[in-house]
Amino acid sequence: MVVSATWFTAFLIIKYFKIVDKNYVKEGLLLGFLWMVMNLVLDMVTLVPMGKAIGDYLPQIGLGYLMIPAMTILAGKILENKNKPDEKI
């Protein structure tokens, strides 16, 4: 599940940044946190009512969603630095 979600997230990041032409890091930040919140809300609506305890959910599943903003912000940073090869991350 984690592997397929990561690949799908990467695919969607590529598609999204094809339509963005400025403020890449800001867009990555907004996109990442939006997607993360959406995933957390969907999980709360589906998993918790099915009996999954929040105390079990967060360390097992919820923290994994932090990879979404990490990927989107880093993608934005890479695009922002694309025309500035001398700048370090």
PDB file of N, CA and C in Angstrom:
ATOM      1  N   MET A   1       0.818  -1.197   0.000  1.00  0.00           N
ATOM      2  CA  MET A   1       0.000   0.000   0.000  1.00  0.00           C
ATOM      3  C   MET A   1       0.859   1.258   0.000  1.00  0.00           C
ATOM      4  N   VAL A   2       1.885   1.287   0.847  1.00  0.00           N
ATOM      5  CA  VAL A   2       2.739   2.471   0.941  1.00  0.00           C
ATOM      6  C   VAL A   2       3.469   2.715  -0.374  1.00  0.00           C
ATOM      7  N   VAL A   3       3.940   1.654  -0.986  1.00  0.00           N
ATOM      8  CA  VAL A   3       4.679   1.799  -2.248  1.00  0.00           C
ATOM      9  C   VAL A   3       3.763   2.322  -3.342  1.00  0.00           C
ATOM     10  N   SER A   4       2.584   1.758  -3.480  1.00  0.00           N
ATOM     11  CA  SER A   4       1.667   2.218  -4.528  1.00  0.00           C
ATOM     12  C   SER A   4       1.210   3.650  -4.258  1.00  0.00           C
ATOM     13  N   ALA A   5       0.982   4.003  -3.002  1.00  0.00           N
ATOM     14  CA  ALA A   5       0.580   5.381  -2.667  1.00  0.00           C
ATOM     15  C   ALA A   5       1.700   6.363  -2.988  1.00  0.00           C
ATOM     16  N   THR A   6       2.940   5.968  -2.727  1.00  0.00           N
ATOM     17  CA  THR A   6       4.078   6.841  -3.026  1.00  0.00           C
ATOM     18  C   THR A   6       4.214   7.065  -4.522  1.00  0.00           C
ATOM     19  N   TRP A   7       4.102   6.013  -5.306  1.00  0.00           N
ATOM     20  CA  TRP A   7       4.201   6.147  -6.762  1.00  0.00           C
ATOM     21  C   TRP A   7       3.049   6.991  -7.310  1.00  0.00           C
ATOM     22  N   PHE A   8       1.852   6.778  -6.804  1.00  0.00           N
ATOM     23  CA  PHE A   8       0.702   7.542  -7.271  1.00  0.00           C
ATOM     24  C   PHE A   8       0.849   9.008  -6.896  1.00  0.00           C
ATOM     25  N   THR A   9       1.340   9.280  -5.692  1.00  0.00           N
ATOM     26  CA  THR A   9       1.588  10.661  -5.271  1.00  0.00           C
ATOM     27  C   THR A   9       2.613  11.314  -6.181  1.00  0.00           C
ATOM     28  N   ALA A  10       3.683  10.616  -6.487  1.00  0.00           N
ATOM     29  CA  ALA A  10       4.717  11.157  -7.379  1.00  0.00           C
ATOM     30  C   ALA A  10       4.134  11.461  -8.759  1.00  0.00           C
ATOM     31  N   PHE A  11       3.311  10.568  -9.267  1.00  0.00           N
ATOM     32  CA  PHE A  11       2.664  10.778 -10.568  1.00  0.00           C
ATOM     33  C   PHE A  11       1.798  12.047 -10.546  1.00  0.00           C
ATOM     34  N   LEU A  12       1.007  12.199  -9.484  1.00  0.00           N
ATOM     35  CA  LEU A  12       0.139  13.378  -9.372  1.00  0.00           C
ATOM     36  C   LEU A  12       0.942  14.665  -9.195  1.00  0.00           C
ATOM     37  N   ILE A  13       2.066  14.591  -8.502  1.00  0.00           N
ATOM     38  CA  ILE A  13       2.935  15.763  -8.357  1.00  0.00           C
ATOM     39  C   ILE A  13       3.445  16.212  -9.721  1.00  0.00           C
ATOM     40  N   ILE A  14       3.867  15.275 -10.529  1.00  0.00           N
ATOM     41  CA  ILE A  14       4.347  15.604 -11.885  1.00  0.00           C
ATOM     42  C   ILE A  14       3.237  16.269 -12.688  1.00  0.00           C
ATOM     43  N   LYS A  15       2.049  15.683 -12.649  1.00  0.00           N
ATOM     44  CA  LYS A  15       0.918  16.258 -13.391  1.00  0.00           C
ATOM     45  C   LYS A  15       0.593  17.671 -12.892  1.00  0.00           C
ATOM     46  N   TYR A  16       0.600  17.860 -11.570  1.00  0.00           N
ATOM     47  CA  TYR A  16       0.245  19.165 -10.996  1.00  0.00           C
ATOM     48  C   TYR A  16       1.265  20.233 -11.375  1.00  0.00           C
ATOM     49  N   PHE A  17       2.535  19.929 -11.234  1.00  0.00           N
ATOM     50  CA  PHE A  17       3.549  20.943 -11.490  1.00  0.00           C
ATOM     51  C   PHE A  17       3.712  21.274 -12.969  1.00  0.00           C
ATOM     52  N   LYS A  18       3.105  20.498 -13.846  1.00  0.00           N
ATOM     53  CA  LYS A  18       3.110  20.863 -15.269  1.00  0.00           C
ATOM     54  C   LYS A  18       2.255  22.105 -15.530  1.00  0.00           C
ATOM     55  N   ILE A  19       1.295  22.382 -14.645  1.00  0.00           N
ATOM     56  CA  ILE A  19       0.434  23.550 -14.848  1.00  0.00           C
ATOM     57  C   ILE A  19       0.846  24.738 -13.982  1.00  0.00           C
ATOM     58  N   VAL A  20       1.845  24.550 -13.118  1.00  0.00           N
ATOM     59  CA  VAL A  20       2.329  25.625 -12.261  1.00  0.00           C
ATOM     60  C   VAL A  20       3.533  26.278 -12.930  1.00  0.00           C
ATOM     61  N   ASP A  21       3.567  27.622 -12.934  1.00  0.00           N
ATOM     62  CA  ASP A  21       4.688  28.290 -13.586  1.00  0.00           C
ATOM     63  C   ASP A  21       5.457  29.262 -12.687  1.00  0.00           C
ATOM     64  N   LYS A  22       5.088  29.329 -11.399  1.00  0.00           N
ATOM     65  CA  LYS A  22       5.828  30.184 -10.461  1.00  0.00           C
ATOM     66  C   LYS A  22       5.476  29.772  -9.036  1.00  0.00           C
ATOM     67  N   ASN A  23       6.220  30.297  -8.078  1.00  0.00           N
ATOM     68  CA  ASN A  23       5.994  30.004  -6.660  1.00  0.00           C
ATOM     69  C   ASN A  23       5.949  28.505  -6.385  1.00  0.00           C
ATOM     70  N   TYR A  24       6.934  27.780  -6.894  1.00  0.00           N
ATOM     71  CA  TYR A  24       6.921  26.324  -6.814  1.00  0.00           C
ATOM     72  C   TYR A  24       6.931  25.802  -5.372  1.00  0.00           C
ATOM     73  N   VAL A  25       7.746  26.405  -4.517  1.00  0.00           N
ATOM     74  CA  VAL A  25       7.821  25.919  -3.137  1.00  0.00           C
ATOM     75  C   VAL A  25       6.505  26.193  -2.410  1.00  0.00           C
ATOM     76  N   LYS A  26       5.958  27.376  -2.598  1.00  0.00           N
ATOM     77  CA  LYS A  26       4.673  27.710  -1.975  1.00  0.00           C
ATOM     78  C   LYS A  26       3.583  26.757  -2.461  1.00  0.00           C
ATOM     79  N   GLU A  27       3.550  26.505  -3.761  1.00  0.00           N
ATOM     80  CA  GLU A  27       2.564  25.579  -4.320  1.00  0.00           C
ATOM     81  C   GLU A  27       2.760  24.173  -3.759  1.00  0.00           C
ATOM     82  N   GLY A  28       4.022  23.748  -3.640  1.00  0.00           N
ATOM     83  CA  GLY A  28       4.307  22.430  -3.071  1.00  0.00           C
ATOM     84  C   GLY A  28       3.866  22.326  -1.631  1.00  0.00           C
ATOM     85  N   LEU A  29       4.083  23.390  -0.874  1.00  0.00           N
ATOM     86  CA  LEU A  29       3.666  23.426   0.527  1.00  0.00           C
ATOM     87  C   LEU A  29       2.151  23.329   0.647  1.00  0.00           C
ATOM     88  N   LEU A  30       1.444  24.156  -0.104  1.00  0.00           N
ATOM     89  CA  LEU A  30      -0.020  24.143  -0.057  1.00  0.00           C
ATOM     90  C   LEU A  30      -0.586  22.812  -0.527  1.00  0.00           C
ATOM     91  N   LEU A  31      -0.066  22.311  -1.637  1.00  0.00           N
ATOM     92  CA  LEU A  31      -0.543  21.046  -2.186  1.00  0.00           C
ATOM     93  C   LEU A  31      -0.301  19.895  -1.221  1.00  0.00           C
ATOM     94  N   GLY A  32       0.885  19.831  -0.663  1.00  0.00           N
ATOM     95  CA  GLY A  32       1.233  18.741   0.244  1.00  0.00           C
ATOM     96  C   GLY A  32       0.365  18.705   1.480  1.00  0.00           C
ATOM     97  N   PHE A  33       0.168  19.865   2.084  1.00  0.00           N
ATOM     98  CA  PHE A  33      -0.656  19.877   3.292  1.00  0.00           C
ATOM     99  C   PHE A  33      -2.132  19.655   2.978  1.00  0.00           C
ATOM    100  N   LEU A  34      -2.592  20.120   1.834  1.00  0.00           N
ATOM    101  CA  LEU A  34      -3.969  19.855   1.425  1.00  0.00           C
ATOM    102  C   LEU A  34      -4.185  18.355   1.246  1.00  0.00           C
ATOM    103  N   TRP A  35      -3.296  17.703   0.511  1.00  0.00           N
ATOM    104  CA  TRP A  35      -3.422  16.263   0.289  1.00  0.00           C
ATOM    105  C   TRP A  35      -3.313  15.485   1.592  1.00  0.00           C
ATOM    106  N   MET A  36      -2.402  15.903   2.467  1.00  0.00           N
ATOM    107  CA  MET A  36      -2.239  15.212   3.736  1.00  0.00           C
ATOM    108  C   MET A  36      -3.515  15.310   4.583  1.00  0.00           C
ATOM    109  N   VAL A  37      -4.059  16.514   4.676  1.00  0.00           N
ATOM    110  CA  VAL A  37      -5.283  16.716   5.457  1.00  0.00           C
ATOM    111  C   VAL A  37      -6.435  15.927   4.856  1.00  0.00           C
ATOM    112  N   MET A  38      -6.538  15.934   3.527  1.00  0.00           N
ATOM    113  CA  MET A  38      -7.603  15.165   2.869  1.00  0.00           C
ATOM    114  C   MET A  38      -7.491  13.684   3.219  1.00  0.00           C
ATOM    115  N   ASN A  39      -6.284  13.139   3.178  1.00  0.00           N
ATOM    116  CA  ASN A  39      -6.083  11.726   3.507  1.00  0.00           C
ATOM    117  C   ASN A  39      -6.423  11.437   4.960  1.00  0.00           C
ATOM    118  N   LEU A  40      -5.996  12.315   5.851  1.00  0.00           N
ATOM    119  CA  LEU A  40      -6.296  12.114   7.277  1.00  0.00           C
ATOM    120  C   LEU A  40      -7.799  12.169   7.541  1.00  0.00           C
ATOM    121  N   VAL A  41      -8.485  13.119   6.917  1.00  0.00           N
ATOM    122  CA  VAL A  41      -9.938  13.234   7.103  1.00  0.00           C
ATOM    123  C   VAL A  41     -10.640  11.988   6.556  1.00  0.00           C
ATOM    124  N   LEU A  42     -10.248  11.561   5.365  1.00  0.00           N
ATOM    125  CA  LEU A  42     -10.862  10.359   4.793  1.00  0.00           C
ATOM    126  C   LEU A  42     -10.634   9.139   5.683  1.00  0.00           C
ATOM    127  N   ASP A  43      -9.441   9.029   6.244  1.00  0.00           N
ATOM    128  CA  ASP A  43      -9.177   7.919   7.153  1.00  0.00           C
ATOM    129  C   ASP A  43     -10.047   8.008   8.400  1.00  0.00           C
ATOM    130  N   MET A  44     -10.181   9.201   8.948  1.00  0.00           N
ATOM    131  CA  MET A  44     -10.995   9.371  10.157  1.00  0.00           C
ATOM    132  C   MET A  44     -12.460   9.010   9.884  1.00  0.00           C
ATOM    133  N   VAL A  45     -12.921   9.314   8.684  1.00  0.00           N
ATOM    134  CA  VAL A  45     -14.311   9.026   8.326  1.00  0.00           C
ATOM    135  C   VAL A  45     -14.520   7.532   8.100  1.00  0.00           C
ATOM    136  N   THR A  46     -13.504   6.848   7.594  1.00  0.00           N
ATOM    137  CA  THR A  46     -13.683   5.432   7.261  1.00  0.00           C
ATOM    138  C   THR A  46     -13.103   4.474   8.292  1.00  0.00           C
ATOM    139  N   LEU A  47     -11.881   4.710   8.744  1.00  0.00           N
ATOM    140  CA  LEU A  47     -11.220   3.734   9.612  1.00  0.00           C
ATOM    141  C   LEU A  47     -11.685   3.793  11.065  1.00  0.00           C
ATOM    142  N   VAL A  48     -11.833   4.988  11.599  1.00  0.00           N
ATOM    143  CA  VAL A  48     -12.211   5.109  13.011  1.00  0.00           C
ATOM    144  C   VAL A  48     -13.598   4.529  13.272  1.00  0.00           C
ATOM    145  N   PRO A  49     -14.609   4.835  12.425  1.00  0.00           N
ATOM    146  CA  PRO A  49     -15.915   4.211  12.674  1.00  0.00           C
ATOM    147  C   PRO A  49     -15.898   2.681  12.537  1.00  0.00           C
ATOM    148  N   MET A  50     -14.920   2.151  11.820  1.00  0.00           N
ATOM    149  CA  MET A  50     -14.831   0.698  11.663  1.00  0.00           C
ATOM    150  C   MET A  50     -14.115   0.050  12.844  1.00  0.00           C
ATOM    151  N   GLY A  51     -13.759   0.826  13.850  1.00  0.00           N
ATOM    152  CA  GLY A  51     -13.166   0.252  15.046  1.00  0.00           C
ATOM    153  C   GLY A  51     -11.679   0.479  15.220  1.00  0.00           C
ATOM    154  N   LYS A  52     -11.043   1.187  14.325  1.00  0.00           N
ATOM    155  CA  LYS A  52      -9.606   1.466  14.455  1.00  0.00           C
ATOM    156  C   LYS A  52      -9.423   2.565  15.498  1.00  0.00           C
ATOM    157  N   ALA A  53      -8.675   2.280  16.540  1.00  0.00           N
ATOM    158  CA  ALA A  53      -8.437   3.264  17.594  1.00  0.00           C
ATOM    159  C   ALA A  53      -7.460   4.325  17.090  1.00  0.00           C
ATOM    160  N   ILE A  54      -7.703   5.578  17.441  1.00  0.00           N
ATOM    161  CA  ILE A  54      -6.836   6.673  16.996  1.00  0.00           C
ATOM    162  C   ILE A  54      -5.413   6.466  17.505  1.00  0.00           C
ATOM    163  N   GLY A  55      -5.280   5.922  18.705  1.00  0.00           N
ATOM    164  CA  GLY A  55      -3.951   5.643  19.255  1.00  0.00           C
ATOM    165  C   GLY A  55      -3.177   4.621  18.441  1.00  0.00           C
ATOM    166  N   ASP A  56      -3.882   3.704  17.797  1.00  0.00           N
ATOM    167  CA  ASP A  56      -3.232   2.731  16.907  1.00  0.00           C
ATOM    168  C   ASP A  56      -3.031   3.305  15.518  1.00  0.00           C
ATOM    169  N   TYR A  57      -3.973   4.128  15.089  1.00  0.00           N
ATOM    170  CA  TYR A  57      -3.948   4.685  13.739  1.00  0.00           C
ATOM    171  C   TYR A  57      -2.745   5.594  13.495  1.00  0.00           C
ATOM    172  N   LEU A  58      -2.513   6.534  14.412  1.00  0.00           N
ATOM    173  CA  LEU A  58      -1.461   7.532  14.176  1.00  0.00           C
ATOM    174  C   LEU A  58      -0.082   6.937  13.943  1.00  0.00           C
ATOM    175  N   PRO A  59       0.420   6.058  14.816  1.00  0.00           N
ATOM    176  CA  PRO A  59       1.765   5.526  14.551  1.00  0.00           C
ATOM    177  C   PRO A  59       1.812   4.533  13.387  1.00  0.00           C
ATOM    178  N   GLN A  60       0.729   3.831  13.133  1.00  0.00           N
ATOM    179  CA  GLN A  60       0.732   2.818  12.082  1.00  0.00           C
ATOM    180  C   GLN A  60       0.502   3.398  10.697  1.00  0.00           C
ATOM    181  N   ILE A  61      -0.382   4.377  10.580  1.00  0.00           N
ATOM    182  CA  ILE A  61      -0.786   4.892   9.279  1.00  0.00           C
ATOM    183  C   ILE A  61      -0.586   6.400   9.172  1.00  0.00           C
ATOM    184  N   GLY A  62      -1.105   7.129  10.140  1.00  0.00           N
ATOM    185  CA  GLY A  62      -1.164   8.588  10.068  1.00  0.00           C
ATOM    186  C   GLY A  62       0.164   9.275   9.857  1.00  0.00           C
ATOM    187  N   LEU A  63       1.209   8.846  10.536  1.00  0.00           N
ATOM    188  CA  LEU A  63       2.509   9.498  10.385  1.00  0.00           C
ATOM    189  C   LEU A  63       3.091   9.304   8.987  1.00  0.00           C
ATOM    190  N   GLY A  64       2.692   8.256   8.323  1.00  0.00           N
ATOM    191  CA  GLY A  64       3.165   8.015   6.956  1.00  0.00           C
ATOM    192  C   GLY A  64       2.739   9.097   5.983  1.00  0.00           C
ATOM    193  N   TYR A  65       1.658   9.783   6.306  1.00  0.00           N
ATOM    194  CA  TYR A  65       1.178  10.847   5.432  1.00  0.00           C
ATOM    195  C   TYR A  65       2.089  12.068   5.435  1.00  0.00           C
ATOM    196  N   LEU A  66       3.029  12.124   6.355  1.00  0.00           N
ATOM    197  CA  LEU A  66       3.996  13.223   6.339  1.00  0.00           C
ATOM    198  C   LEU A  66       4.892  13.170   5.104  1.00  0.00           C
ATOM    199  N   MET A  67       4.928  12.020   4.446  1.00  0.00           N
ATOM    200  CA  MET A  67       5.733  11.924   3.227  1.00  0.00           C
ATOM    201  C   MET A  67       5.122  12.738   2.083  1.00  0.00           C
ATOM    202  N   ILE A  68       3.834  13.005   2.148  1.00  0.00           N
ATOM    203  CA  ILE A  68       3.186  13.759   1.062  1.00  0.00           C
ATOM    204  C   ILE A  68       3.699  15.183   1.000  1.00  0.00           C
ATOM    205  N   PRO A  69       3.628  15.980   2.088  1.00  0.00           N
ATOM    206  CA  PRO A  69       4.187  17.329   1.968  1.00  0.00           C
ATOM    207  C   PRO A  69       5.699  17.319   1.752  1.00  0.00           C
ATOM    208  N   ALA A  70       6.393  16.307   2.280  1.00  0.00           N
ATOM    209  CA  ALA A  70       7.839  16.231   2.034  1.00  0.00           C
ATOM    210  C   ALA A  70       8.114  16.121   0.535  1.00  0.00           C
ATOM    211  N   MET A  71       7.355  15.266  -0.142  1.00  0.00           N
ATOM    212  CA  MET A  71       7.550  15.091  -1.588  1.00  0.00           C
ATOM    213  C   MET A  71       7.168  16.341  -2.372  1.00  0.00           C
ATOM    214  N   THR A  72       6.043  16.958  -2.024  1.00  0.00           N
ATOM    215  CA  THR A  72       5.584  18.112  -2.805  1.00  0.00           C
ATOM    216  C   THR A  72       6.475  19.341  -2.576  1.00  0.00           C
ATOM    217  N   ILE A  73       6.906  19.545  -1.347  1.00  0.00           N
ATOM    218  CA  ILE A  73       7.785  20.683  -1.061  1.00  0.00           C
ATOM    219  C   ILE A  73       9.135  20.498  -1.749  1.00  0.00           C
ATOM    220  N   LEU A  74       9.681  19.294  -1.684  1.00  0.00           N
ATOM    221  CA  LEU A  74      10.965  19.043  -2.351  1.00  0.00           C
ATOM    222  C   LEU A  74      10.848  19.156  -3.864  1.00  0.00           C
ATOM    223  N   ALA A  75       9.737  18.722  -4.421  1.00  0.00           N
ATOM    224  CA  ALA A  75       9.529  18.889  -5.867  1.00  0.00           C
ATOM    225  C   ALA A  75       9.501  20.372  -6.221  1.00  0.00           C
ATOM    226  N   GLY A  76       8.818  21.161  -5.405  1.00  0.00           N
ATOM    227  CA  GLY A  76       8.778  22.604  -5.627  1.00  0.00           C
ATOM    228  C   GLY A  76      10.152  23.225  -5.528  1.00  0.00           C
ATOM    229  N   LYS A  77      10.937  22.797  -4.546  1.00  0.00           N
ATOM    230  CA  LYS A  77      12.295  23.319  -4.367  1.00  0.00           C
ATOM    231  C   LYS A  77      13.181  22.969  -5.557  1.00  0.00           C
ATOM    232  N   ILE A  78      13.048  21.762  -6.047  1.00  0.00           N
ATOM    233  CA  ILE A  78      13.825  21.343  -7.217  1.00  0.00           C
ATOM    234  C   ILE A  78      13.473  22.201  -8.422  1.00  0.00           C
ATOM    235  N   LEU A  79      12.183  22.421  -8.645  1.00  0.00           N
ATOM    236  CA  LEU A  79      11.761  23.246  -9.774  1.00  0.00           C
ATOM    237  C   LEU A  79      12.200  24.698  -9.619  1.00  0.00           C
ATOM    238  N   GLU A  80      12.156  25.202  -8.408  1.00  0.00           N
ATOM    239  CA  GLU A  80      12.576  26.576  -8.177  1.00  0.00           C
ATOM    240  C   GLU A  80      14.076  26.737  -8.420  1.00  0.00           C
ATOM    241  N   ASN A  81      14.847  25.710  -8.104  1.00  0.00           N
ATOM    242  CA  ASN A  81      16.297  25.759  -8.296  1.00  0.00           C
ATOM    243  C   ASN A  81      16.720  25.357  -9.705  1.00  0.00           C
ATOM    244  N   LYS A  82      15.784  24.934 -10.512  1.00  0.00           N
ATOM    245  CA  LYS A  82      16.103  24.430 -11.856  1.00  0.00           C
ATOM    246  C   LYS A  82      16.906  25.431 -12.668  1.00  0.00           C
ATOM    247  N   ASN A  83      16.551  26.689 -12.588  1.00  0.00           N
ATOM    248  CA  ASN A  83      17.250  27.712 -13.358  1.00  0.00           C
ATOM    249  C   ASN A  83      18.351  28.390 -12.557  1.00  0.00           C
ATOM    250  N   LYS A  84      18.627  27.877 -11.352  1.00  0.00           N
ATOM    251  CA  LYS A  84      19.685  28.410 -10.501  1.00  0.00           C
ATOM    252  C   LYS A  84      20.615  27.270 -10.097  1.00  0.00           C
ATOM    253  N   PRO A  85      21.429  26.761 -10.995  1.00  0.00           N
ATOM    254  CA  PRO A  85      22.234  25.575 -10.684  1.00  0.00           C
ATOM    255  C   PRO A  85      23.266  25.776  -9.581  1.00  0.00           C
ATOM    256  N   ASP A  86      23.647  27.032  -9.281  1.00  0.00           N
ATOM    257  CA  ASP A  86      24.655  27.273  -8.247  1.00  0.00           C
ATOM    258  C   ASP A  86      24.080  27.248  -6.846  1.00  0.00           C
ATOM    259  N   GLU A  87      22.768  27.378  -6.717  1.00  0.00           N
ATOM    260  CA  GLU A  87      22.142  27.446  -5.408  1.00  0.00           C
ATOM    261  C   GLU A  87      22.037  26.064  -4.784  1.00  0.00           C
ATOM    262  N   LYS A  88      22.310  25.991  -3.496  1.00  0.00           N
ATOM    263  CA  LYS A  88      22.224  24.730  -2.751  1.00  0.00           C
ATOM    264  C   LYS A  88      20.828  24.602  -2.154  1.00  0.00           C
ATOM    265  N   ILE A  89      20.422  23.364  -1.908  1.00  0.00           N
ATOM    266  CA  ILE A  89      19.106  23.117  -1.299  1.00  0.00           C
ATOM    267  C   ILE A  89      19.126  23.507   0.138  1.00  0.00           C
TER     268      ILE A  89
END
